[in-house]
Amino acid sequence: MLSREEIKNALTRWNSAWDNHDLDGVMELFHDEILFDNYTGGQSKGKEDLRKAWEPWFTNHGGFRFTEEETFIDEDEQKVLYRWQLDWPSFEKGWEGRHERRRGIDVLHFKDGKIIRKLTYSKTTLEIDGERVRLIAK
């Protein structure tokens, strides 16, 4: 089990890798059996599946930045609730390329010192160029 301080330090390194758009650094904290459930309902199972899903995002979607807003660490359960803000060029239809701010939460489960489950939830209202935009279900 990781101590609270070890989890906090791992997340600091992880955030730094995100800031540097370093896919290898981001992947380093994931367990080989990672289950990633993203905010659209899509899933990736296993580290290689997740890497394959994220490679185009890291390669083609430059300019993204996650900002940590709040983090709760449950050392006993080896779980983290991580509230974030994402700033990036929007890919929403009709808003492509404009500055988008999206907010969400990751629920992270650790096993053997690595993230084995990453469950991502996102608000359905975004801010694009300072204007609130509600996502429409497709």
Protein backbone atom coordinates (compact mmCIF):
# COMPACT_ATOMS: atom_id res chain seq x y z
CA MET A 1 0.00 0.00 0.00
CA LEU A 2 1.07 3.54 -0.70
CA SER A 3 1.14 6.07 2.09
CA ARG A 4 -0.83 9.30 1.70
CA GLU A 5 2.46 11.11 1.01
CA GLU A 6 3.50 8.54 -1.63
CA ILE A 7 0.14 8.93 -3.39
CA LYS A 8 0.47 12.71 -3.27
CA ASN A 9 4.02 12.55 -4.70
CA ALA A 10 2.94 10.13 -7.45
CA LEU A 11 0.12 12.48 -8.45
CA THR A 12 2.54 15.42 -8.51
CA ARG A 13 4.78 13.52 -10.97
CA TRP A 14 1.70 12.46 -12.96
CA ASN A 15 0.43 16.06 -13.22
CA SER A 16 3.86 17.17 -14.37
CA ALA A 17 3.81 14.54 -17.13
CA TRP A 18 0.37 15.80 -18.25
CA ASP A 19 1.66 19.40 -18.25
CA ASN A 20 4.59 18.33 -20.43
CA HIS A 21 2.40 16.26 -22.77
CA ASP A 22 4.61 13.30 -21.86
CA LEU A 23 2.56 10.18 -22.64
CA ASP A 24 5.28 7.84 -21.30
CA GLY A 25 5.31 9.76 -18.01
CA VAL A 26 1.50 9.68 -17.77
CA MET A 27 1.42 5.95 -18.51
CA GLU A 28 4.06 5.22 -15.86
CA LEU A 29 1.54 5.49 -13.01
CA PHE A 30 -0.99 3.08 -14.59
CA HIS A 31 -1.28 -0.58 -13.60
CA ASP A 32 -0.97 -3.08 -16.48
CA GLU A 33 -4.63 -4.01 -15.88
CA ILE A 34 -5.94 -0.42 -15.88
CA LEU A 35 -9.62 0.12 -16.62
CA PHE A 36 -10.26 3.64 -17.92
CA ASP A 37 -13.90 4.67 -18.19
CA ASN A 38 -14.03 8.09 -19.85
CA TYR A 39 -16.66 10.81 -19.63
CA THR A 40 -18.29 9.72 -22.91
CA GLY A 41 -18.80 6.17 -21.64
CA GLY A 42 -15.95 4.77 -23.70
CA GLN A 43 -13.56 2.34 -22.06
CA SER A 44 -9.99 1.19 -22.41
CA LYS A 45 -8.91 -2.04 -20.76
CA GLY A 46 -5.23 -2.66 -20.13
CA LYS A 47 -2.25 -0.36 -20.35
CA GLU A 48 -1.52 -1.01 -24.03
CA ASP A 49 -5.17 -0.39 -25.02
CA LEU A 50 -5.14 2.90 -23.10
CA ARG A 51 -1.83 3.98 -24.66
CA LYS A 52 -3.20 3.23 -28.14
CA ALA A 53 -6.36 5.24 -27.39
CA TRP A 54 -4.40 8.24 -26.07
CA GLU A 55 -1.51 8.39 -28.57
CA PRO A 56 -3.50 10.35 -31.18
CA TRP A 57 -4.77 12.71 -28.48
CA PHE A 58 -1.24 13.49 -27.31
CA THR A 59 0.03 13.75 -30.89
CA ASN A 60 -2.83 15.69 -32.53
CA HIS A 61 -4.56 17.59 -29.75
CA GLY A 62 -1.78 19.83 -28.54
CA GLY A 63 -2.44 22.75 -26.31
CA PHE A 64 -4.34 20.90 -23.60
CA ARG A 65 -3.68 21.63 -19.95
CA PHE A 66 -5.17 20.06 -16.84
CA THR A 67 -5.25 22.12 -13.66
CA GLU A 68 -5.74 20.38 -10.33
CA GLU A 69 -8.57 22.04 -8.44
CA GLU A 70 -8.93 19.71 -5.48
CA THR A 71 -7.70 16.28 -4.42
CA PHE A 72 -9.02 13.94 -1.74
CA ILE A 73 -6.85 10.97 -0.81
CA ASP A 74 -8.19 7.95 1.09
CA GLU A 75 -5.03 6.15 2.14
CA ASP A 76 -6.87 3.18 3.72
CA GLU A 77 -8.92 2.48 0.58
CA GLN A 78 -6.12 3.51 -1.83
CA LYS A 79 -8.51 5.82 -3.69
CA VAL A 80 -8.32 9.41 -4.88
CA LEU A 81 -10.98 11.89 -5.92
CA TYR A 82 -9.27 14.36 -8.24
CA ARG A 83 -11.20 17.46 -9.40
CA TRP A 84 -9.72 19.10 -12.49
CA GLN A 85 -10.15 21.80 -15.10
CA LEU A 86 -9.16 21.18 -18.72
CA ASP A 87 -8.24 24.06 -21.01
CA TRP A 88 -7.76 23.25 -24.68
CA PRO A 89 -8.82 24.04 -28.26
CA SER A 90 -12.43 22.88 -28.53
CA PHE A 91 -13.48 19.97 -30.73
CA GLU A 92 -17.18 20.58 -30.17
CA LYS A 93 -19.15 20.98 -33.40
CA GLY A 94 -19.44 24.64 -34.33
CA TRP A 95 -16.81 25.68 -31.77
CA GLU A 96 -13.75 23.97 -33.26
CA GLY A 97 -10.43 25.53 -32.27
CA ARG A 98 -11.89 28.06 -29.83
CA HIS A 99 -10.70 28.10 -26.22
CA GLU A 100 -12.67 25.56 -24.19
CA ARG A 101 -12.72 25.13 -20.43
CA ARG A 102 -14.13 21.83 -19.18
CA ARG A 103 -14.39 20.70 -15.58
CA GLY A 104 -14.59 17.19 -14.20
CA ILE A 105 -13.61 14.59 -11.66
CA ASP A 106 -11.48 11.46 -11.78
CA VAL A 107 -12.03 8.67 -9.29
CA LEU A 108 -8.72 6.81 -9.10
CA HIS A 109 -8.26 3.36 -7.52
CA PHE A 110 -4.74 2.18 -6.71
CA LYS A 111 -3.45 -1.40 -6.61
CA ASP A 112 0.18 -2.41 -6.16
CA GLY A 113 1.16 1.26 -6.14
CA LYS A 114 -0.38 1.99 -9.56
CA ILE A 115 -3.73 3.30 -10.83
CA ILE A 116 -5.84 0.26 -11.72
CA ARG A 117 -9.12 2.11 -12.29
CA LYS A 118 -9.66 5.65 -13.62
CA LEU A 119 -13.30 6.71 -13.78
CA THR A 120 -13.77 10.13 -15.40
CA TYR A 121 -16.84 12.33 -15.10
CA SER A 122 -17.32 15.70 -16.79
CA LYS A 123 -19.82 18.52 -16.53
CA THR A 124 -22.24 18.82 -19.44
CA THR A 125 -21.85 22.59 -19.58
CA LEU A 126 -18.57 23.95 -20.95
CA GLU A 127 -17.11 27.39 -21.26
CA ILE A 128 -15.95 28.27 -24.78
CA ASP A 129 -14.37 31.71 -25.28
CA GLY A 130 -16.01 32.76 -22.02
CA GLU A 131 -19.49 31.67 -23.11
CA ARG A 132 -21.35 28.86 -21.33
CA VAL A 133 -22.23 26.07 -23.78
CA ARG A 134 -24.42 23.12 -22.84
CA LEU A 135 -23.50 19.81 -24.47
CA ILE A 136 -26.37 18.16 -26.30
CA ALA A 137 -26.77 14.36 -26.08
CA LYS A 138 -26.18 12.71 -29.43
